[in-house]
């Protein structure tokens, strides 16, 4: 764009950059030509696992933990780290394994916890028979308050009802 005679402001606006960045680019282009404007490359360390290795890890994950000798059907980060080391001979800290799983498109899934003694039939029966008796329903105990934060009066009278101290109009 600079070679075509575009201004720094036009370059900044076109590329969605600041004018200061366009100014730096312009001077870099003037000093060293087009090669000065090339990207620096990826930031940070290159991944230790190549794409084919990641594909092997994902295929192994899909088979499940039981297929790899683990006692339960639950993938944990230490188990995945062990699996990666077995398949690729690359060791990862279990805390870092999560980044690899996210890169593969996996998400955190925690199993719901239920008691082993849970009896679904007994629960259903309790809900059918006992729950209606103990359930507190609005208006079930008499008149209540329309305010969500004020408890109903125990006397049963509303606050607007005339009583011994009711205001009377003076003439």
N, C-alpha and C. Protein backbone atom coordinates (compact mmCIF):
# COMPACT_ATOMS: atom_id res chain seq x y z
N UNK A 1 0.83 -1.18 0.00
CA UNK A 1 0.00 0.00 0.00
C UNK A 1 0.87 1.25 0.00
N UNK A 2 1.99 1.19 0.76
CA UNK A 2 2.89 2.33 0.76
C UNK A 2 3.51 2.52 -0.62
N UNK A 3 3.84 1.41 -1.30
CA UNK A 3 4.44 1.49 -2.64
C UNK A 3 3.46 2.11 -3.63
N UNK A 4 2.16 1.94 -3.41
CA UNK A 4 1.15 2.53 -4.30
C UNK A 4 0.90 3.99 -3.97
N UNK A 5 1.55 4.50 -2.92
CA UNK A 5 1.39 5.90 -2.56
C UNK A 5 0.30 6.18 -1.54
N UNK A 6 -0.22 5.13 -0.88
CA UNK A 6 -1.25 5.33 0.14
C UNK A 6 -0.64 6.04 1.35
N UNK A 7 -1.44 6.89 2.00
CA UNK A 7 -0.95 7.59 3.19
C UNK A 7 -0.96 6.65 4.39
N UNK A 8 -0.22 7.06 5.42
CA UNK A 8 -0.18 6.25 6.64
C UNK A 8 -1.57 6.15 7.27
N UNK A 9 -2.33 7.24 7.23
CA UNK A 9 -3.67 7.25 7.81
C UNK A 9 -4.59 6.29 7.05
N UNK A 10 -4.47 6.24 5.73
CA UNK A 10 -5.30 5.34 4.93
C UNK A 10 -4.94 3.88 5.23
N UNK A 11 -3.64 3.60 5.34
CA UNK A 11 -3.19 2.24 5.66
C UNK A 11 -3.73 1.83 7.03
N UNK A 12 -3.64 2.73 8.01
CA UNK A 12 -4.11 2.42 9.35
C UNK A 12 -5.61 2.15 9.34
N UNK A 13 -6.37 2.99 8.64
CA UNK A 13 -7.83 2.83 8.58
C UNK A 13 -8.20 1.54 7.86
N UNK A 14 -7.53 1.22 6.76
CA UNK A 14 -7.83 0.03 5.97
C UNK A 14 -7.55 -1.25 6.75
N UNK A 15 -6.45 -1.25 7.49
CA UNK A 15 -6.05 -2.46 8.22
C UNK A 15 -6.58 -2.50 9.65
N UNK A 16 -7.29 -1.47 10.07
CA UNK A 16 -7.84 -1.45 11.43
C UNK A 16 -6.77 -1.32 12.48
N UNK A 17 -5.70 -0.56 12.18
CA UNK A 17 -4.60 -0.39 13.12
C UNK A 17 -4.54 1.07 13.56
N UNK A 18 -3.68 1.36 14.50
CA UNK A 18 -3.51 2.74 14.95
C UNK A 18 -2.61 3.47 13.97
N UNK A 19 -2.66 4.79 14.01
CA UNK A 19 -1.79 5.59 13.13
C UNK A 19 -0.33 5.42 13.53
N UNK A 20 -0.10 5.22 14.84
CA UNK A 20 1.28 5.02 15.30
C UNK A 20 1.87 3.73 14.71
N UNK A 21 1.05 2.69 14.64
CA UNK A 21 1.53 1.43 14.06
C UNK A 21 1.82 1.62 12.58
N UNK A 22 0.94 2.32 11.87
CA UNK A 22 1.17 2.57 10.45
C UNK A 22 2.43 3.41 10.25
N UNK A 23 2.68 4.33 11.15
CA UNK A 23 3.89 5.15 11.08
C UNK A 23 5.14 4.28 11.22
N UNK A 24 5.14 3.35 12.18
CA UNK A 24 6.28 2.43 12.36
C UNK A 24 6.46 1.57 11.13
N UNK A 25 5.35 1.06 10.58
CA UNK A 25 5.43 0.21 9.39
C UNK A 25 6.02 0.98 8.22
N UNK A 26 5.61 2.23 8.09
CA UNK A 26 6.09 3.04 6.97
C UNK A 26 7.62 3.21 7.04
N UNK A 27 8.12 3.54 8.24
CA UNK A 27 9.56 3.75 8.39
C UNK A 27 10.32 2.43 8.24
N UNK A 28 9.75 1.33 8.72
CA UNK A 28 10.40 0.03 8.53
C UNK A 28 10.44 -0.31 7.05
N UNK A 29 9.38 -0.03 6.34
CA UNK A 29 9.32 -0.28 4.89
C UNK A 29 10.34 0.58 4.15
N UNK A 30 10.49 1.84 4.55
CA UNK A 30 11.46 2.74 3.91
C UNK A 30 12.89 2.27 4.14
N UNK A 31 13.18 1.77 5.38
CA UNK A 31 14.55 1.39 5.73
C UNK A 31 14.95 0.05 5.12
N UNK A 32 14.06 -0.97 5.25
CA UNK A 32 14.46 -2.34 4.87
C UNK A 32 13.57 -2.96 3.81
N UNK A 33 12.64 -2.23 3.28
CA UNK A 33 11.79 -2.76 2.22
C UNK A 33 10.68 -3.64 2.75
N UNK A 34 10.11 -4.42 1.83
CA UNK A 34 8.94 -5.25 2.15
C UNK A 34 9.25 -6.34 3.18
N UNK A 35 10.47 -6.85 3.22
CA UNK A 35 10.82 -7.92 4.18
C UNK A 35 10.69 -7.45 5.63
N UNK A 36 10.83 -6.14 5.87
CA UNK A 36 10.70 -5.62 7.24
C UNK A 36 9.27 -5.71 7.73
N UNK A 37 8.31 -5.86 6.81
CA UNK A 37 6.90 -5.90 7.20
C UNK A 37 6.36 -7.30 7.40
N UNK A 38 7.19 -8.31 7.19
CA UNK A 38 6.73 -9.69 7.37
C UNK A 38 6.49 -9.98 8.84
N UNK A 39 5.54 -10.87 9.09
CA UNK A 39 5.21 -11.24 10.47
C UNK A 39 6.38 -11.94 11.13
N UNK A 40 6.47 -11.78 12.43
CA UNK A 40 7.58 -12.36 13.18
C UNK A 40 7.43 -13.86 13.37
N UNK A 41 6.26 -14.40 13.10
CA UNK A 41 6.03 -15.83 13.33
C UNK A 41 5.26 -16.04 14.61
N UNK A 42 5.11 -17.28 14.97
CA UNK A 42 4.32 -17.59 16.16
C UNK A 42 5.07 -17.17 17.42
N UNK A 43 4.32 -16.72 18.39
CA UNK A 43 4.90 -16.35 19.67
C UNK A 43 4.95 -17.58 20.56
N UNK A 44 5.97 -17.68 21.34
CA UNK A 44 6.07 -18.79 22.28
C UNK A 44 6.69 -20.04 21.69
N UNK A 45 6.78 -21.03 22.54
CA UNK A 45 7.41 -22.30 22.16
C UNK A 45 6.50 -23.09 21.22
N UNK A 46 7.12 -23.81 20.30
CA UNK A 46 6.35 -24.65 19.39
C UNK A 46 5.78 -25.84 20.16
N UNK A 47 4.60 -26.32 19.75
CA UNK A 47 4.02 -27.46 20.46
C UNK A 47 4.91 -28.71 20.33
N UNK A 48 4.94 -29.47 21.41
CA UNK A 48 5.78 -30.68 21.39
C UNK A 48 5.11 -31.85 20.70
N UNK A 49 3.79 -31.78 20.53
CA UNK A 49 3.07 -32.85 19.84
C UNK A 49 2.68 -32.39 18.44
N UNK A 50 3.01 -33.19 17.46
CA UNK A 50 2.63 -32.89 16.08
C UNK A 50 1.18 -33.32 15.86
N UNK A 51 0.61 -32.90 14.75
CA UNK A 51 -0.80 -33.20 14.43
C UNK A 51 -1.08 -34.71 14.40
N UNK A 52 -0.21 -35.54 13.79
CA UNK A 52 -0.50 -36.99 13.81
C UNK A 52 -0.49 -37.58 15.22
N UNK A 53 0.39 -37.06 16.07
CA UNK A 53 0.42 -37.54 17.45
C UNK A 53 -0.85 -37.14 18.19
N UNK A 54 -1.31 -35.91 17.96
CA UNK A 54 -2.56 -35.48 18.59
C UNK A 54 -3.73 -36.32 18.12
N UNK A 55 -3.72 -36.69 16.85
CA UNK A 55 -4.80 -37.54 16.32
C UNK A 55 -4.79 -38.91 17.01
N UNK A 56 -3.60 -39.47 17.24
CA UNK A 56 -3.50 -40.76 17.94
C UNK A 56 -4.00 -40.63 19.38
N UNK A 57 -3.65 -39.52 20.03
CA UNK A 57 -4.10 -39.30 21.42
C UNK A 57 -5.63 -39.20 21.45
N UNK A 58 -6.20 -38.46 20.51
CA UNK A 58 -7.65 -38.32 20.52
C UNK A 58 -8.35 -39.64 20.24
N UNK A 59 -7.82 -40.42 19.32
CA UNK A 59 -8.41 -41.74 19.03
C UNK A 59 -8.37 -42.62 20.28
N UNK A 60 -7.27 -42.54 21.02
CA UNK A 60 -7.16 -43.32 22.25
C UNK A 60 -8.13 -42.83 23.32
N UNK A 61 -8.31 -41.51 23.40
CA UNK A 61 -9.26 -40.96 24.37
C UNK A 61 -10.68 -41.42 24.08
N UNK A 62 -11.02 -41.50 22.81
CA UNK A 62 -12.37 -41.91 22.42
C UNK A 62 -12.66 -43.36 22.77
N UNK A 63 -11.63 -44.19 22.87
CA UNK A 63 -11.83 -45.59 23.26
C UNK A 63 -12.22 -45.72 24.73
N UNK A 64 -11.88 -44.70 25.53
CA UNK A 64 -12.25 -44.71 26.95
C UNK A 64 -11.12 -45.17 27.84
N UNK A 65 -11.18 -44.81 29.12
CA UNK A 65 -10.13 -45.17 30.07
C UNK A 65 -10.00 -46.67 30.29
N UNK A 66 -11.12 -47.40 30.23
CA UNK A 66 -11.08 -48.85 30.47
C UNK A 66 -10.23 -49.57 29.44
N UNK A 67 -10.22 -49.08 28.22
CA UNK A 67 -9.43 -49.71 27.16
C UNK A 67 -7.93 -49.55 27.39
N UNK A 68 -7.56 -48.65 28.29
CA UNK A 68 -6.14 -48.40 28.56
C UNK A 68 -5.73 -48.85 29.95
N UNK A 69 -6.58 -49.65 30.59
CA UNK A 69 -6.22 -50.25 31.87
C UNK A 69 -6.58 -49.45 33.10
N UNK A 70 -7.36 -48.40 32.97
CA UNK A 70 -7.75 -47.62 34.14
C UNK A 70 -8.99 -48.24 34.78
N UNK A 71 -9.10 -48.08 36.09
CA UNK A 71 -10.13 -48.79 36.86
C UNK A 71 -11.55 -48.28 36.58
N UNK A 72 -11.71 -46.98 36.39
CA UNK A 72 -13.05 -46.43 36.18
C UNK A 72 -13.14 -45.77 34.81
N UNK A 73 -14.36 -45.54 34.37
CA UNK A 73 -14.59 -44.91 33.06
C UNK A 73 -14.63 -43.40 33.20
N UNK A 74 -13.59 -42.81 33.76
CA UNK A 74 -13.53 -41.38 33.97
C UNK A 74 -12.14 -40.89 33.60
N UNK A 75 -12.07 -39.95 32.63
CA UNK A 75 -10.79 -39.37 32.27
C UNK A 75 -10.45 -38.27 33.25
N UNK A 76 -9.28 -38.36 33.86
CA UNK A 76 -8.78 -37.29 34.71
C UNK A 76 -7.53 -36.74 34.05
N UNK A 77 -7.09 -35.56 34.45
CA UNK A 77 -5.90 -34.97 33.84
C UNK A 77 -4.65 -35.82 34.04
N UNK A 78 -4.43 -36.40 35.25
CA UNK A 78 -3.26 -37.28 35.39
C UNK A 78 -3.35 -38.51 34.48
N UNK A 79 -4.55 -39.05 34.29
CA UNK A 79 -4.70 -40.22 33.41
C UNK A 79 -4.40 -39.84 31.96
N UNK A 80 -4.89 -38.68 31.54
CA UNK A 80 -4.62 -38.25 30.16
C UNK A 80 -3.13 -37.99 29.98
N UNK A 81 -2.48 -37.42 30.99
CA UNK A 81 -1.03 -37.19 30.92
C UNK A 81 -0.29 -38.52 30.77
N UNK A 82 -0.72 -39.52 31.52
CA UNK A 82 -0.11 -40.85 31.42
C UNK A 82 -0.33 -41.44 30.04
N UNK A 83 -1.53 -41.31 29.51
CA UNK A 83 -1.84 -41.82 28.17
C UNK A 83 -0.97 -41.14 27.11
N UNK A 84 -0.83 -39.82 27.20
CA UNK A 84 0.00 -39.10 26.23
C UNK A 84 1.44 -39.58 26.29
N UNK A 85 1.94 -39.79 27.50
CA UNK A 85 3.32 -40.26 27.63
C UNK A 85 3.48 -41.67 27.07
N UNK A 86 2.51 -42.54 27.31
CA UNK A 86 2.58 -43.91 26.76
C UNK A 86 2.59 -43.90 25.24
N UNK A 87 1.74 -43.05 24.62
CA UNK A 87 1.59 -43.06 23.17
C UNK A 87 2.69 -42.31 22.43
N UNK A 88 3.17 -41.21 23.02
CA UNK A 88 4.08 -40.34 22.28
C UNK A 88 5.46 -40.20 22.90
N UNK A 89 5.63 -40.71 24.10
CA UNK A 89 6.87 -40.57 24.85
C UNK A 89 7.19 -39.10 25.17
N UNK A 90 6.16 -38.27 25.20
CA UNK A 90 6.29 -36.87 25.59
C UNK A 90 5.56 -36.70 26.90
N UNK A 91 6.27 -36.17 27.89
CA UNK A 91 5.71 -36.03 29.23
C UNK A 91 5.15 -34.63 29.43
N UNK A 92 3.92 -34.56 29.90
CA UNK A 92 3.28 -33.29 30.22
C UNK A 92 2.86 -33.29 31.67
N UNK A 93 2.92 -32.14 32.29
CA UNK A 93 2.39 -31.98 33.64
C UNK A 93 0.86 -32.09 33.54
N UNK A 94 0.21 -32.77 34.50
CA UNK A 94 -1.25 -32.91 34.43
C UNK A 94 -1.98 -31.57 34.32
N UNK A 95 -1.44 -30.52 34.91
CA UNK A 95 -2.08 -29.22 34.81
C UNK A 95 -2.05 -28.64 33.41
N UNK A 96 -1.08 -29.04 32.62
CA UNK A 96 -0.97 -28.53 31.25
C UNK A 96 -1.82 -29.35 30.27
N UNK A 97 -2.17 -30.54 30.65
CA UNK A 97 -2.94 -31.43 29.78
C UNK A 97 -4.26 -30.79 29.37
N UNK A 98 -4.78 -29.95 30.25
CA UNK A 98 -6.06 -29.32 29.95
C UNK A 98 -5.98 -28.48 28.67
N UNK A 99 -4.84 -27.82 28.42
CA UNK A 99 -4.69 -27.01 27.21
C UNK A 99 -4.72 -27.89 25.96
N UNK A 100 -4.15 -29.06 26.06
CA UNK A 100 -4.16 -30.00 24.93
C UNK A 100 -5.58 -30.49 24.68
N UNK A 101 -6.30 -30.82 25.74
CA UNK A 101 -7.68 -31.29 25.59
C UNK A 101 -8.56 -30.21 24.96
N UNK A 102 -8.37 -28.96 25.37
CA UNK A 102 -9.15 -27.87 24.78
C UNK A 102 -8.82 -27.72 23.30
N UNK A 103 -7.55 -27.87 22.94
CA UNK A 103 -7.14 -27.78 21.54
C UNK A 103 -7.79 -28.88 20.71
N UNK A 104 -8.05 -30.02 21.34
CA UNK A 104 -8.71 -31.13 20.65
C UNK A 104 -10.24 -30.98 20.64
N UNK A 105 -10.75 -29.97 21.32
CA UNK A 105 -12.19 -29.73 21.34
C UNK A 105 -12.92 -30.43 22.47
N UNK A 106 -12.20 -30.92 23.47
CA UNK A 106 -12.82 -31.58 24.61
C UNK A 106 -13.19 -30.53 25.64
N UNK A 107 -14.22 -30.82 26.44
CA UNK A 107 -14.65 -29.89 27.47
C UNK A 107 -14.75 -30.63 28.80
N UNK A 108 -14.80 -29.84 29.87
CA UNK A 108 -14.89 -30.41 31.21
C UNK A 108 -16.28 -30.99 31.42
N UNK A 109 -16.34 -32.21 31.87
CA UNK A 109 -17.61 -32.88 32.15
C UNK A 109 -17.46 -33.56 33.51
N UNK A 110 -18.22 -33.10 34.46
CA UNK A 110 -18.16 -33.73 35.78
C UNK A 110 -19.38 -34.61 35.96
N UNK A 111 -19.18 -35.85 36.38
CA UNK A 111 -20.33 -36.73 36.58
C UNK A 111 -21.17 -36.27 37.77
N UNK A 112 -22.47 -36.47 37.68
CA UNK A 112 -23.33 -36.13 38.82
C UNK A 112 -23.12 -37.18 39.90
N UNK A 113 -23.17 -36.72 41.11
CA UNK A 113 -22.95 -37.64 42.23
C UNK A 113 -24.30 -38.05 42.81
N UNK A 114 -24.49 -39.35 42.97
CA UNK A 114 -25.70 -39.87 43.58
C UNK A 114 -25.30 -40.98 44.55
N UNK A 115 -26.07 -41.09 45.60
CA UNK A 115 -25.80 -42.13 46.59
C UNK A 115 -26.04 -43.50 45.98
N UNK A 116 -25.24 -44.46 46.37
CA UNK A 116 -25.41 -45.83 45.86
C UNK A 116 -26.71 -46.44 46.37
N UNK A 117 -27.13 -45.98 47.55
CA UNK A 117 -28.33 -46.53 48.17
C UNK A 117 -29.61 -45.90 47.61
N UNK A 118 -29.51 -45.02 46.66
CA UNK A 118 -30.67 -44.28 46.13
C UNK A 118 -31.72 -45.25 45.59
N UNK A 119 -32.95 -45.06 46.04
CA UNK A 119 -34.06 -45.91 45.63
C UNK A 119 -35.07 -45.05 44.88
N UNK A 120 -35.04 -45.09 43.56
CA UNK A 120 -35.89 -44.24 42.73
C UNK A 120 -37.38 -44.49 42.97
N UNK A 121 -37.76 -45.75 43.20
CA UNK A 121 -39.16 -46.05 43.44
C UNK A 121 -39.65 -45.42 44.74
N UNK A 122 -38.85 -45.47 45.78
CA UNK A 122 -39.22 -44.88 47.07
C UNK A 122 -39.29 -43.36 46.95
N UNK A 123 -38.40 -42.77 46.17
CA UNK A 123 -38.42 -41.32 45.98
C UNK A 123 -39.70 -40.90 45.25
N UNK A 124 -40.05 -41.62 44.21
CA UNK A 124 -41.26 -41.31 43.45
C UNK A 124 -42.50 -41.44 44.34
N UNK A 125 -42.54 -42.47 45.18
CA UNK A 125 -43.68 -42.67 46.08
C UNK A 125 -43.77 -41.53 47.10
N UNK A 126 -42.64 -41.10 47.65
CA UNK A 126 -42.61 -40.00 48.62
C UNK A 126 -43.12 -38.71 47.96
N UNK A 127 -42.67 -38.46 46.75
CA UNK A 127 -43.12 -37.26 46.04
C UNK A 127 -44.63 -37.30 45.79
N UNK A 128 -45.13 -38.47 45.49
CA UNK A 128 -46.55 -38.59 45.18
C UNK A 128 -47.42 -38.45 46.43
N UNK A 129 -47.02 -39.05 47.55
CA UNK A 129 -47.87 -39.07 48.75
C UNK A 129 -47.53 -37.99 49.76
N UNK A 130 -46.27 -37.90 50.15
CA UNK A 130 -45.89 -37.04 51.28
C UNK A 130 -45.65 -35.59 50.87
N UNK A 131 -45.07 -35.34 49.71
CA UNK A 131 -44.71 -33.99 49.31
C UNK A 131 -45.91 -33.03 49.30
N UNK A 132 -47.07 -33.40 48.79
CA UNK A 132 -48.20 -32.47 48.82
C UNK A 132 -48.59 -32.07 50.24
N UNK A 133 -48.34 -32.93 51.24
CA UNK A 133 -48.71 -32.63 52.62
C UNK A 133 -47.76 -31.63 53.26
N UNK A 134 -46.48 -31.73 52.93
CA UNK A 134 -45.48 -30.87 53.58
C UNK A 134 -45.16 -29.62 52.77
N UNK A 135 -45.56 -29.59 51.53
CA UNK A 135 -45.25 -28.46 50.66
C UNK A 135 -45.99 -27.21 51.13
N UNK A 136 -45.27 -26.11 51.21
CA UNK A 136 -45.89 -24.85 51.59
C UNK A 136 -46.36 -24.17 50.31
N UNK A 137 -47.65 -23.89 50.26
CA UNK A 137 -48.18 -23.25 49.07
C UNK A 137 -48.59 -21.82 49.41
N UNK A 138 -48.46 -20.91 48.47
CA UNK A 138 -48.88 -19.53 48.75
C UNK A 138 -50.38 -19.50 49.05
N UNK A 139 -50.74 -18.82 50.13
CA UNK A 139 -52.14 -18.69 50.50
C UNK A 139 -52.70 -19.92 51.18
N UNK A 140 -51.90 -20.94 51.42
CA UNK A 140 -52.40 -22.16 52.02
C UNK A 140 -52.72 -22.00 53.49
N UNK A 141 -52.06 -21.05 54.18
CA UNK A 141 -52.26 -20.90 55.61
C UNK A 141 -53.16 -19.74 55.96
N UNK A 142 -53.85 -19.14 55.03
CA UNK A 142 -54.71 -18.00 55.32
C UNK A 142 -54.25 -16.80 54.52
N UNK A 143 -54.76 -15.63 54.88
CA UNK A 143 -54.40 -14.45 54.11
C UNK A 143 -52.92 -14.11 54.31
N UNK A 144 -52.33 -13.63 53.27
CA UNK A 144 -50.92 -13.29 53.34
C UNK A 144 -50.70 -11.87 52.90
N UNK A 145 -49.47 -11.52 52.79
CA UNK A 145 -49.10 -10.18 52.37
C UNK A 145 -48.78 -10.18 50.89
N UNK A 146 -49.05 -9.07 50.22
CA UNK A 146 -48.69 -8.98 48.82
C UNK A 146 -47.21 -8.65 48.65
N UNK A 147 -46.57 -8.26 49.75
CA UNK A 147 -45.15 -7.96 49.72
C UNK A 147 -44.36 -9.25 49.76
N UNK A 148 -43.32 -9.33 48.93
CA UNK A 148 -42.50 -10.55 48.93
C UNK A 148 -41.56 -10.61 50.12
N UNK A 149 -41.37 -9.46 50.79
CA UNK A 149 -40.42 -9.44 51.90
C UNK A 149 -41.11 -9.34 53.26
N UNK A 150 -42.41 -9.12 53.28
CA UNK A 150 -43.12 -8.97 54.54
C UNK A 150 -43.95 -10.21 54.84
N UNK A 151 -43.81 -10.72 56.03
CA UNK A 151 -44.57 -11.91 56.41
C UNK A 151 -46.03 -11.54 56.61
N UNK A 152 -46.89 -12.51 56.44
CA UNK A 152 -48.33 -12.28 56.62
C UNK A 152 -48.62 -12.01 58.09
N UNK A 153 -49.65 -11.23 58.35
CA UNK A 153 -50.04 -10.91 59.71
C UNK A 153 -50.63 -12.15 60.37
N UNK A 154 -50.36 -12.34 61.65
CA UNK A 154 -50.89 -13.49 62.37
C UNK A 154 -52.36 -13.28 62.73
N UNK A 155 -52.80 -12.03 62.76
CA UNK A 155 -54.18 -11.76 63.14
C UNK A 155 -55.14 -12.03 62.01
N UNK A 156 -54.63 -12.10 60.80
CA UNK A 156 -55.49 -12.35 59.67
C UNK A 156 -56.04 -11.07 59.06
N UNK A 157 -55.83 -9.92 59.75
CA UNK A 157 -56.30 -8.65 59.19
C UNK A 157 -55.24 -8.08 58.28
N UNK A 158 -55.67 -7.46 57.24
CA UNK A 158 -54.70 -6.79 56.38
C UNK A 158 -54.37 -5.45 57.03
N UNK A 159 -53.24 -4.87 56.66
CA UNK A 159 -52.82 -3.62 57.27
C UNK A 159 -53.73 -2.48 56.86
N UNK A 160 -54.50 -2.64 55.81
CA UNK A 160 -55.39 -1.58 55.36
C UNK A 160 -56.75 -1.65 56.04
N UNK A 161 -57.01 -2.73 56.76
CA UNK A 161 -58.32 -2.89 57.41
C UNK A 161 -58.43 -1.93 58.59
N UNK A 162 -59.60 -1.34 58.78
CA UNK A 162 -59.76 -0.41 59.92
C UNK A 162 -59.69 -1.17 61.23
N UNK A 163 -59.05 -0.59 62.19
CA UNK A 163 -58.93 -1.19 63.49
C UNK A 163 -59.15 -0.14 64.55
N UNK A 164 -58.76 -0.44 65.80
CA UNK A 164 -59.00 0.53 66.86
C UNK A 164 -58.26 1.84 66.63
N UNK A 165 -57.13 1.82 65.94
CA UNK A 165 -56.36 3.05 65.71
C UNK A 165 -56.51 3.52 64.27
N UNK A 166 -57.57 3.18 63.63
CA UNK A 166 -57.74 3.57 62.23
C UNK A 166 -57.86 5.08 62.13
N UNK A 167 -57.28 5.61 61.12
CA UNK A 167 -57.34 7.05 60.93
C UNK A 167 -58.73 7.45 60.48
N UNK A 168 -59.19 8.53 61.01
CA UNK A 168 -60.48 9.07 60.59
C UNK A 168 -60.28 10.44 60.02
N UNK A 169 -61.15 10.78 59.11
CA UNK A 169 -61.01 12.07 58.46
C UNK A 169 -61.63 13.15 59.33
N UNK A 170 -60.90 14.20 59.53
CA UNK A 170 -61.43 15.32 60.28
C UNK A 170 -62.10 16.29 59.32
N UNK A 171 -63.17 16.85 59.75
CA UNK A 171 -63.83 17.81 58.87
C UNK A 171 -63.63 19.21 59.36
